[in-house]
Amino acid sequence: QVQLVESGGGLVQPGGSLRLSCVASGSIFSRYNMGWYRQAPGKQRELVATINTGGTTNYADSVKGRFAISRDNAKNTVFLQMNSLKPEDTAVYYCKQALGFQAYWGQGTQVTVSA
């Protein structure tokens, strides 16, 4: 059974940084593309960043230059380093694991950017 567990969220002031982690179990992690998504109150879930099995990354325009996604296959973990955080980055952040038509989601971690 695939399980994804996110951690690292919290309350941070504008301009601050957070590092999110997502640990996967129950799958061969290195075979899956990984991604971070977020959902703010009253809004649809949106893509933040993805990283494929070869390490190629993709970012939403709103986070380019501020966020960085990475993965450690030995630790079955994907990270999201978030710098220069803005109030509009406030959302629940979800980890996604995907391979073809298979997709798995974590439970999410809350990120709140506020003074």
Protein backbone atom coordinates (compact mmCIF):
# COMPACT_ATOMS: atom_id res chain seq x y z
CA GLN A 1 0.00 0.00 0.00
CA VAL A 2 1.44 3.34 -1.09
CA GLN A 3 1.69 5.97 1.60
CA LEU A 4 2.96 9.54 1.32
CA VAL A 5 3.62 11.57 4.46
CA GLU A 6 4.34 15.29 4.23
CA SER A 7 6.03 17.36 6.91
CA GLY A 8 7.72 20.72 7.38
CA GLY A 9 4.77 23.08 7.11
CA GLY A 10 4.08 25.85 9.59
CA LEU A 11 3.71 29.55 10.15
CA VAL A 12 6.37 31.81 8.66
CA GLN A 13 6.71 35.54 8.12
CA PRO A 14 6.77 37.02 4.61
CA GLY A 15 10.24 36.70 3.16
CA GLY A 16 10.97 33.61 5.22
CA SER A 17 11.77 30.05 4.20
CA LEU A 18 10.43 26.57 4.78
CA ARG A 19 11.49 23.14 3.61
CA LEU A 20 8.80 20.55 3.01
CA SER A 21 9.50 16.83 2.94
CA CYS A 22 7.44 13.94 1.64
CA VAL A 23 8.42 10.40 2.53
CA ALA A 24 6.99 7.62 0.37
CA SER A 25 6.51 3.98 1.28
CA GLY A 26 4.99 0.96 -0.40
CA SER A 27 6.39 1.67 -3.85
CA ILE A 28 9.65 1.67 -5.80
CA PHE A 29 10.20 5.38 -5.32
CA SER A 30 12.78 5.86 -8.05
CA ARG A 31 10.31 4.76 -10.74
CA TYR A 32 7.80 7.48 -9.96
CA ASN A 33 7.51 11.09 -10.98
CA MET A 34 6.94 13.28 -7.94
CA GLY A 35 5.25 16.61 -7.46
CA TRP A 36 4.09 19.24 -5.03
CA TYR A 37 0.68 20.84 -5.35
CA ARG A 38 -1.16 23.33 -3.19
CA GLN A 39 -4.71 24.35 -2.44
CA ALA A 40 -5.66 27.66 -0.89
CA PRO A 41 -9.06 28.21 0.74
CA GLY A 42 -11.76 28.61 -1.88
CA LYS A 43 -9.41 27.78 -4.73
CA GLN A 44 -8.66 24.73 -6.84
CA ARG A 45 -5.60 22.61 -6.24
CA GLU A 46 -2.72 23.80 -8.40
CA LEU A 47 0.65 22.50 -9.47
CA VAL A 48 3.65 23.96 -7.69
CA ALA A 49 6.57 21.88 -8.93
CA THR A 50 7.35 18.46 -10.36
CA ILE A 51 10.45 16.32 -10.72
CA ASN A 52 10.60 13.28 -12.95
CA THR A 53 12.59 10.08 -12.56
CA GLY A 54 15.52 11.63 -14.43
CA GLY A 55 15.62 14.70 -12.20
CA THR A 56 14.08 17.15 -14.66
CA THR A 57 12.09 19.80 -12.85
CA ASN A 58 9.13 21.98 -13.73
CA TYR A 59 7.68 24.94 -11.81
CA ALA A 60 4.61 27.09 -11.77
CA ASP A 61 5.42 30.61 -12.93
CA SER A 62 4.36 31.98 -9.55
CA VAL A 63 7.15 30.12 -7.72
CA LYS A 64 9.99 30.13 -10.27
CA GLY A 65 13.19 31.45 -8.75
CA ARG A 66 11.85 31.07 -5.20
CA PHE A 67 11.08 27.35 -4.80
CA ALA A 68 13.23 24.32 -5.56
CA ILE A 69 12.11 20.71 -5.77
CA SER A 70 14.55 17.84 -5.27
CA ARG A 71 14.47 14.14 -4.55
CA ASP A 72 16.58 11.62 -2.67
CA ASN A 73 15.82 8.17 -4.04
CA ALA A 74 17.89 6.48 -1.35
CA LYS A 75 15.60 7.98 1.29
CA ASN A 76 12.35 7.72 -0.72
CA THR A 77 11.89 11.43 -0.14
CA VAL A 78 11.01 14.47 -2.20
CA PHE A 79 11.69 17.98 -0.91
CA LEU A 80 10.37 21.44 -1.62
CA GLN A 81 12.62 24.29 -0.53
CA MET A 82 10.55 27.46 -0.36
CA ASN A 83 12.30 30.82 -0.10
CA SER A 84 11.09 34.42 -0.19
CA LEU A 85 7.65 33.27 0.88
CA LYS A 86 4.67 35.53 0.23
CA PRO A 87 1.22 35.65 1.85
CA GLU A 88 -0.22 34.29 -1.40
CA ASP A 89 1.81 31.10 -0.88
CA THR A 90 -0.48 30.25 2.04
CA ALA A 91 -2.13 26.91 1.30
CA VAL A 92 -2.19 23.25 2.12
CA TYR A 93 0.70 21.63 0.26
CA TYR A 94 0.27 18.11 -1.08
CA CYS A 95 2.78 15.59 -2.33
CA LYS A 96 1.87 13.52 -5.38
CA GLN A 97 3.46 10.36 -6.75
CA ALA A 98 2.61 9.37 -10.30
CA LEU A 99 3.41 6.70 -12.86
CA GLY A 100 1.27 6.53 -15.96
CA PHE A 101 -2.35 6.42 -14.83
CA GLN A 102 -1.39 5.67 -11.23
CA ALA A 103 -1.42 8.61 -8.86
CA TYR A 104 -1.15 8.81 -5.10
CA TRP A 105 -1.55 11.78 -2.77
CA GLY A 106 -0.44 12.60 0.72
CA GLN A 107 -2.66 14.17 3.37
CA GLY A 108 -1.09 17.60 3.04
CA THR A 109 0.77 20.02 5.27
CA GLN A 110 -0.37 23.55 6.06
CA VAL A 111 1.84 26.49 5.12
CA THR A 112 0.81 29.89 6.42
CA VAL A 113 2.70 33.03 5.47
CA SER A 114 1.70 35.93 7.67
CA ALA A 115 3.19 38.76 9.66
